[in-house]
N, C-alpha and C. Protein backbone atom coordinates (compact mmCIF):
# COMPACT_ATOMS: atom_id res chain seq x y z
N MET A 1 -7.00 -28.76 135.07
CA MET A 1 -7.44 -29.05 133.72
C MET A 1 -8.35 -27.93 133.22
N ILE A 2 -8.17 -27.60 131.98
CA ILE A 2 -9.05 -26.63 131.32
C ILE A 2 -9.83 -27.42 130.28
N ARG A 3 -11.13 -27.39 130.38
CA ARG A 3 -11.97 -28.14 129.45
C ARG A 3 -12.45 -27.22 128.34
N GLY A 4 -12.69 -27.83 127.19
CA GLY A 4 -13.22 -27.10 126.05
C GLY A 4 -14.17 -27.99 125.26
N SER A 5 -15.04 -27.35 124.49
CA SER A 5 -16.01 -28.10 123.70
C SER A 5 -16.63 -27.21 122.64
N CYS A 6 -17.37 -27.87 121.76
CA CYS A 6 -18.14 -27.13 120.77
C CYS A 6 -19.53 -26.86 121.36
N CYS A 7 -20.36 -26.14 120.63
CA CYS A 7 -21.69 -25.76 121.10
C CYS A 7 -22.58 -26.97 121.37
N CYS A 8 -22.50 -27.99 120.51
CA CYS A 8 -23.38 -29.16 120.67
C CYS A 8 -22.79 -30.22 121.59
N GLY A 9 -21.53 -30.08 121.99
CA GLY A 9 -20.91 -31.02 122.91
C GLY A 9 -20.32 -32.26 122.26
N ALA A 10 -20.43 -32.38 120.95
CA ALA A 10 -19.89 -33.55 120.26
C ALA A 10 -18.36 -33.56 120.27
N VAL A 11 -17.75 -32.38 120.27
CA VAL A 11 -16.28 -32.26 120.34
C VAL A 11 -15.94 -31.78 121.74
N GLN A 12 -15.08 -32.55 122.42
CA GLN A 12 -14.64 -32.19 123.76
C GLN A 12 -13.15 -32.47 123.90
N PHE A 13 -12.47 -31.58 124.61
CA PHE A 13 -11.03 -31.72 124.81
C PHE A 13 -10.63 -31.12 126.15
N GLU A 14 -9.42 -31.41 126.57
CA GLU A 14 -8.84 -30.82 127.77
C GLU A 14 -7.47 -30.24 127.44
N LEU A 15 -7.11 -29.21 128.17
CA LEU A 15 -5.76 -28.67 128.11
C LEU A 15 -5.10 -29.00 129.43
N LEU A 16 -3.93 -29.60 129.38
CA LEU A 16 -3.23 -30.03 130.57
C LEU A 16 -2.46 -28.89 131.23
N ALA A 17 -2.37 -27.75 130.55
CA ALA A 17 -1.69 -26.58 131.09
C ALA A 17 -2.40 -25.32 130.60
N VAL A 18 -2.22 -24.25 131.32
CA VAL A 18 -2.81 -22.97 130.93
C VAL A 18 -2.14 -22.53 129.62
N PRO A 19 -2.92 -22.05 128.65
CA PRO A 19 -2.32 -21.54 127.41
C PRO A 19 -1.28 -20.47 127.70
N SER A 20 -0.32 -20.32 126.78
CA SER A 20 0.77 -19.38 127.01
C SER A 20 0.35 -17.92 126.87
N MET A 21 -0.65 -17.63 126.05
CA MET A 21 -1.10 -16.25 125.90
C MET A 21 -2.47 -16.19 125.22
N MET A 22 -3.09 -15.04 125.34
CA MET A 22 -4.38 -14.76 124.70
C MET A 22 -4.25 -13.47 123.92
N GLY A 23 -4.83 -13.45 122.72
CA GLY A 23 -4.82 -12.24 121.91
C GLY A 23 -6.05 -12.18 121.02
N THR A 24 -6.26 -11.04 120.41
CA THR A 24 -7.40 -10.86 119.54
C THR A 24 -6.93 -10.43 118.16
N CYS A 25 -7.40 -11.16 117.16
CA CYS A 25 -7.09 -10.84 115.77
C CYS A 25 -8.31 -10.15 115.16
N HIS A 26 -8.07 -9.05 114.48
CA HIS A 26 -9.16 -8.28 113.88
C HIS A 26 -9.23 -8.44 112.37
N CYS A 27 -8.48 -9.41 111.81
CA CYS A 27 -8.52 -9.60 110.35
C CYS A 27 -9.89 -10.14 109.94
N SER A 28 -10.24 -9.91 108.71
CA SER A 28 -11.57 -10.30 108.23
C SER A 28 -11.76 -11.82 108.28
N ARG A 29 -10.71 -12.58 108.05
CA ARG A 29 -10.84 -14.05 108.07
C ARG A 29 -11.18 -14.54 109.46
N CYS A 30 -10.49 -14.10 110.48
CA CYS A 30 -10.77 -14.54 111.84
C CYS A 30 -12.16 -14.10 112.30
N ARG A 31 -12.53 -12.87 111.93
CA ARG A 31 -13.88 -12.40 112.29
C ARG A 31 -14.94 -13.26 111.65
N LYS A 32 -14.77 -13.61 110.38
CA LYS A 32 -15.80 -14.38 109.66
C LYS A 32 -15.99 -15.79 110.20
N VAL A 33 -14.92 -16.40 110.71
CA VAL A 33 -15.07 -17.74 111.26
C VAL A 33 -15.36 -17.73 112.76
N GLY A 34 -15.50 -16.56 113.35
CA GLY A 34 -15.86 -16.47 114.76
C GLY A 34 -14.75 -16.86 115.71
N ALA A 35 -13.51 -16.60 115.33
CA ALA A 35 -12.38 -16.98 116.18
C ALA A 35 -11.43 -15.81 116.37
N SER A 36 -11.96 -14.65 116.67
CA SER A 36 -11.09 -13.48 116.81
C SER A 36 -10.21 -13.54 118.04
N THR A 37 -10.73 -13.99 119.16
CA THR A 37 -9.91 -14.10 120.36
C THR A 37 -9.40 -15.53 120.45
N ILE A 38 -8.08 -15.64 120.56
CA ILE A 38 -7.42 -16.93 120.50
C ILE A 38 -6.50 -17.11 121.70
N VAL A 39 -6.25 -18.37 122.04
CA VAL A 39 -5.26 -18.72 123.05
C VAL A 39 -4.27 -19.66 122.39
N PHE A 40 -3.01 -19.57 122.80
CA PHE A 40 -1.97 -20.41 122.22
C PHE A 40 -1.69 -21.58 123.15
N VAL A 41 -1.78 -22.79 122.58
CA VAL A 41 -1.58 -24.02 123.36
C VAL A 41 -0.44 -24.83 122.75
N LYS A 42 0.15 -25.67 123.57
CA LYS A 42 1.18 -26.59 123.10
C LYS A 42 0.50 -27.89 122.69
N ARG A 43 0.97 -28.47 121.62
CA ARG A 43 0.37 -29.70 121.09
C ARG A 43 0.31 -30.79 122.17
N ASP A 44 1.37 -30.92 122.96
CA ASP A 44 1.41 -31.97 123.99
C ASP A 44 0.47 -31.71 125.16
N ASP A 45 -0.06 -30.49 125.25
CA ASP A 45 -1.00 -30.15 126.33
C ASP A 45 -2.46 -30.38 125.94
N LEU A 46 -2.71 -30.73 124.68
CA LEU A 46 -4.08 -30.95 124.21
C LEU A 46 -4.42 -32.44 124.29
N ARG A 47 -5.48 -32.76 125.00
CA ARG A 47 -5.94 -34.15 125.09
C ARG A 47 -7.40 -34.22 124.63
N TRP A 48 -7.64 -35.04 123.62
CA TRP A 48 -8.99 -35.22 123.09
C TRP A 48 -9.80 -36.13 124.00
N LEU A 49 -11.03 -35.70 124.30
CA LEU A 49 -11.94 -36.52 125.09
C LEU A 49 -12.94 -37.23 124.18
N ARG A 50 -13.41 -36.51 123.17
CA ARG A 50 -14.32 -37.11 122.19
C ARG A 50 -14.48 -36.18 121.01
N GLY A 51 -14.84 -36.75 119.87
CA GLY A 51 -15.23 -35.98 118.71
C GLY A 51 -14.13 -35.47 117.81
N ARG A 52 -12.88 -35.91 118.00
CA ARG A 52 -11.81 -35.42 117.11
C ARG A 52 -12.15 -35.69 115.65
N GLU A 53 -12.78 -36.82 115.39
CA GLU A 53 -13.13 -37.19 114.01
C GLU A 53 -14.25 -36.30 113.45
N LEU A 54 -14.90 -35.52 114.29
CA LEU A 54 -15.96 -34.61 113.83
C LEU A 54 -15.43 -33.21 113.51
N VAL A 55 -14.14 -32.99 113.76
CA VAL A 55 -13.55 -31.68 113.48
C VAL A 55 -13.21 -31.61 111.99
N ALA A 56 -13.74 -30.61 111.32
CA ALA A 56 -13.46 -30.38 109.90
C ALA A 56 -12.51 -29.20 109.79
N ARG A 57 -11.83 -29.12 108.65
CA ARG A 57 -10.87 -28.04 108.44
C ARG A 57 -11.14 -27.36 107.10
N TYR A 58 -11.17 -26.03 107.13
CA TYR A 58 -11.22 -25.24 105.92
C TYR A 58 -9.79 -24.82 105.60
N GLN A 59 -9.30 -25.24 104.45
CA GLN A 59 -7.93 -24.89 104.04
C GLN A 59 -8.02 -23.80 102.97
N PRO A 60 -7.57 -22.58 103.27
CA PRO A 60 -7.68 -21.48 102.31
C PRO A 60 -6.65 -21.60 101.19
N GLU A 61 -6.89 -20.84 100.15
CA GLU A 61 -5.95 -20.76 99.04
C GLU A 61 -4.85 -19.75 99.38
N ALA A 62 -3.70 -19.90 98.70
CA ALA A 62 -2.58 -18.97 98.88
C ALA A 62 -3.05 -17.55 98.58
N PRO A 63 -2.56 -16.56 99.28
CA PRO A 63 -1.36 -16.58 100.09
C PRO A 63 -1.59 -17.05 101.53
N TYR A 64 -2.83 -17.33 101.92
CA TYR A 64 -3.11 -17.77 103.27
C TYR A 64 -2.69 -19.22 103.44
N LYS A 65 -2.17 -19.58 104.61
CA LYS A 65 -1.71 -20.95 104.78
C LYS A 65 -2.32 -21.66 105.98
N TYR A 66 -2.93 -20.95 106.89
CA TYR A 66 -3.44 -21.59 108.09
C TYR A 66 -4.89 -22.02 107.93
N GLY A 67 -5.14 -23.31 108.12
CA GLY A 67 -6.48 -23.85 108.04
C GLY A 67 -7.27 -23.51 109.30
N ARG A 68 -8.55 -23.37 109.17
CA ARG A 68 -9.42 -23.08 110.31
C ARG A 68 -10.30 -24.30 110.56
N CYS A 69 -10.37 -24.72 111.81
CA CYS A 69 -11.12 -25.92 112.18
C CYS A 69 -12.45 -25.54 112.82
N PHE A 70 -13.41 -26.45 112.66
CA PHE A 70 -14.74 -26.23 113.22
C PHE A 70 -15.43 -27.57 113.43
N CYS A 71 -16.43 -27.61 114.31
CA CYS A 71 -17.22 -28.82 114.51
C CYS A 71 -18.08 -29.02 113.27
N SER A 72 -18.03 -30.20 112.69
CA SER A 72 -18.79 -30.48 111.47
C SER A 72 -20.29 -30.61 111.75
N LEU A 73 -20.69 -30.71 113.01
CA LEU A 73 -22.11 -30.82 113.34
C LEU A 73 -22.75 -29.46 113.63
N CYS A 74 -22.12 -28.67 114.50
CA CYS A 74 -22.74 -27.40 114.90
C CYS A 74 -22.03 -26.17 114.36
N GLY A 75 -20.82 -26.32 113.82
CA GLY A 75 -20.10 -25.20 113.22
C GLY A 75 -19.25 -24.38 114.17
N THR A 76 -19.17 -24.76 115.45
CA THR A 76 -18.36 -23.99 116.40
C THR A 76 -16.92 -23.87 115.91
N SER A 77 -16.41 -22.65 115.91
CA SER A 77 -15.03 -22.40 115.51
C SER A 77 -14.08 -22.91 116.58
N LEU A 78 -13.03 -23.62 116.14
CA LEU A 78 -12.07 -24.21 117.07
C LEU A 78 -10.64 -23.75 116.80
N GLY A 79 -10.47 -22.75 115.95
CA GLY A 79 -9.13 -22.24 115.64
C GLY A 79 -8.35 -23.23 114.81
N GLU A 80 -7.11 -23.48 115.19
CA GLU A 80 -6.23 -24.39 114.45
C GLU A 80 -5.98 -25.66 115.26
N ILE A 81 -7.02 -26.19 115.88
CA ILE A 81 -6.90 -27.28 116.84
C ILE A 81 -6.34 -28.58 116.26
N LEU A 82 -6.35 -28.76 114.95
CA LEU A 82 -5.77 -29.95 114.33
C LEU A 82 -4.32 -29.74 113.87
N SER A 83 -3.75 -28.61 114.21
CA SER A 83 -2.40 -28.29 113.77
C SER A 83 -1.39 -29.33 114.27
N GLU A 84 -0.38 -29.56 113.47
CA GLU A 84 0.73 -30.44 113.84
C GLU A 84 1.91 -29.64 114.39
N GLU A 85 1.77 -28.32 114.45
CA GLU A 85 2.84 -27.46 114.98
C GLU A 85 3.02 -27.72 116.47
N GLU A 86 4.16 -27.33 117.00
CA GLU A 86 4.44 -27.49 118.43
C GLU A 86 3.49 -26.64 119.28
N SER A 87 3.17 -25.44 118.79
CA SER A 87 2.26 -24.53 119.47
C SER A 87 1.34 -23.92 118.42
N PHE A 88 0.09 -23.73 118.77
CA PHE A 88 -0.88 -23.21 117.80
C PHE A 88 -2.04 -22.53 118.52
N PRO A 89 -2.79 -21.69 117.80
CA PRO A 89 -3.92 -21.01 118.41
C PRO A 89 -5.22 -21.80 118.30
N ILE A 90 -5.98 -21.78 119.36
CA ILE A 90 -7.35 -22.29 119.30
C ILE A 90 -8.28 -21.15 119.72
N ALA A 91 -9.52 -21.26 119.34
CA ALA A 91 -10.50 -20.21 119.63
C ALA A 91 -10.82 -20.19 121.12
N ALA A 92 -10.64 -19.04 121.75
CA ALA A 92 -10.91 -18.90 123.18
C ALA A 92 -12.38 -19.18 123.48
N ASN A 93 -13.26 -18.93 122.51
CA ASN A 93 -14.69 -19.16 122.72
C ASN A 93 -15.02 -20.64 122.94
N ALA A 94 -14.11 -21.55 122.59
CA ALA A 94 -14.36 -22.98 122.77
C ALA A 94 -13.98 -23.47 124.17
N LEU A 95 -13.38 -22.62 124.98
CA LEU A 95 -12.98 -23.03 126.33
C LEU A 95 -14.15 -22.90 127.29
N ASP A 96 -14.36 -23.94 128.09
CA ASP A 96 -15.45 -23.96 129.07
C ASP A 96 -14.98 -23.57 130.47
N THR A 97 -13.68 -23.67 130.72
CA THR A 97 -13.10 -23.40 132.02
C THR A 97 -12.36 -22.07 131.98
N GLU A 98 -12.47 -21.30 133.03
CA GLU A 98 -11.74 -20.04 133.14
C GLU A 98 -10.24 -20.32 133.14
N THR A 99 -9.49 -19.52 132.38
CA THR A 99 -8.04 -19.72 132.29
C THR A 99 -7.25 -18.75 133.17
N GLY A 100 -7.85 -17.64 133.53
CA GLY A 100 -7.12 -16.60 134.26
C GLY A 100 -6.37 -15.67 133.35
N LEU A 101 -6.33 -15.97 132.04
CA LEU A 101 -5.64 -15.12 131.08
C LEU A 101 -6.48 -13.90 130.73
N ARG A 102 -5.80 -12.85 130.35
CA ARG A 102 -6.45 -11.66 129.82
C ARG A 102 -5.82 -11.35 128.48
N ASN A 103 -6.52 -10.61 127.66
CA ASN A 103 -6.05 -10.26 126.33
C ASN A 103 -4.69 -9.57 126.41
N GLN A 104 -3.71 -10.07 125.63
CA GLN A 104 -2.36 -9.52 125.69
C GLN A 104 -1.96 -8.74 124.45
N PHE A 105 -2.75 -8.84 123.37
CA PHE A 105 -2.44 -8.08 122.16
C PHE A 105 -3.64 -8.03 121.24
N HIS A 106 -3.61 -7.05 120.34
CA HIS A 106 -4.57 -6.93 119.24
C HIS A 106 -3.75 -6.88 117.97
N GLU A 107 -4.05 -7.78 117.02
CA GLU A 107 -3.33 -7.77 115.75
C GLU A 107 -4.28 -7.47 114.60
N PHE A 108 -3.70 -7.02 113.51
CA PHE A 108 -4.43 -6.65 112.29
C PHE A 108 -5.52 -5.61 112.59
N THR A 109 -5.17 -4.64 113.42
CA THR A 109 -6.11 -3.57 113.73
C THR A 109 -6.42 -2.73 112.49
N SER A 110 -5.57 -2.82 111.47
CA SER A 110 -5.83 -2.10 110.21
C SER A 110 -7.07 -2.65 109.51
N GLU A 111 -7.50 -3.86 109.85
CA GLU A 111 -8.69 -4.46 109.25
C GLU A 111 -9.91 -4.42 110.18
N LYS A 112 -9.74 -3.84 111.36
CA LYS A 112 -10.82 -3.76 112.34
C LYS A 112 -11.97 -2.93 111.79
N PRO A 113 -13.20 -3.43 111.89
CA PRO A 113 -14.34 -2.65 111.41
C PRO A 113 -14.59 -1.45 112.33
N GLY A 114 -15.16 -0.41 111.76
CA GLY A 114 -15.43 0.81 112.51
C GLY A 114 -16.40 0.63 113.67
N TRP A 115 -17.26 -0.37 113.59
CA TRP A 115 -18.25 -0.59 114.65
C TRP A 115 -17.66 -1.25 115.89
N TYR A 116 -16.42 -1.77 115.79
CA TYR A 116 -15.81 -2.44 116.94
C TYR A 116 -14.84 -1.50 117.64
N GLU A 117 -15.02 -1.33 118.94
CA GLU A 117 -14.14 -0.47 119.72
C GLU A 117 -13.27 -1.32 120.63
N ILE A 118 -11.97 -1.15 120.56
CA ILE A 118 -11.05 -1.86 121.44
C ILE A 118 -11.10 -1.15 122.79
N CYS A 119 -11.44 -1.90 123.82
CA CYS A 119 -11.68 -1.29 125.14
C CYS A 119 -10.71 -1.76 126.21
N ASP A 120 -9.57 -2.28 125.82
CA ASP A 120 -8.57 -2.64 126.83
C ASP A 120 -7.24 -1.98 126.47
N GLY A 121 -6.30 -2.09 127.34
CA GLY A 121 -5.01 -1.43 127.14
C GLY A 121 -3.96 -2.31 126.49
N ALA A 122 -4.34 -3.46 125.95
CA ALA A 122 -3.37 -4.37 125.34
C ALA A 122 -2.73 -3.70 124.12
N PRO A 123 -1.46 -3.99 123.86
CA PRO A 123 -0.78 -3.42 122.69
C PRO A 123 -1.49 -3.77 121.38
N GLN A 124 -1.45 -2.82 120.44
CA GLN A 124 -2.11 -3.00 119.15
C GLN A 124 -1.08 -2.93 118.03
N SER A 125 -1.31 -3.74 116.98
CA SER A 125 -0.44 -3.66 115.81
C SER A 125 -1.27 -3.84 114.54
N GLU A 126 -0.81 -3.22 113.46
CA GLU A 126 -1.54 -3.29 112.18
C GLU A 126 -1.40 -4.64 111.51
N GLY A 127 -0.42 -5.43 111.87
CA GLY A 127 -0.21 -6.78 111.35
C GLY A 127 0.07 -7.71 112.50
N HIS A 128 0.91 -8.75 112.26
CA HIS A 128 1.32 -9.63 113.34
C HIS A 128 2.18 -8.85 114.32
N PRO A 129 1.92 -8.99 115.61
CA PRO A 129 2.75 -8.27 116.59
C PRO A 129 4.11 -8.93 116.75
N VAL A 130 5.05 -8.17 117.22
CA VAL A 130 6.35 -8.71 117.59
C VAL A 130 6.27 -8.98 119.08
N LEU A 131 6.23 -10.25 119.42
CA LEU A 131 6.06 -10.61 120.85
C LEU A 131 7.36 -11.05 121.48
């Protein structure tokens, strides 16, 4: 089991399987919500332990379509944890248990700020990568 939670502990969940991959998004939206490094999980592998009702969602205006979730008490970014999709990204920072995964890609490097240096050998793309 991989456990995850928000900073205040009000939101807690488990993953029944290791996420399929980990990557880092450098777009301004992901950076601003504190969810640049993400892991992809399957909906059936996510089990809520407590606090699902405390998860809030910010739904952006078009052309953006993906809502960003966060704990309504402490603000911890949770990625797209309320998604109804079969597979979706959640913020790696919300995981409490080591997954064994390492960063597998960098996307939207065209929006990466100059102060951030990519220090791994993972493939980079200016937009969404072709995986």
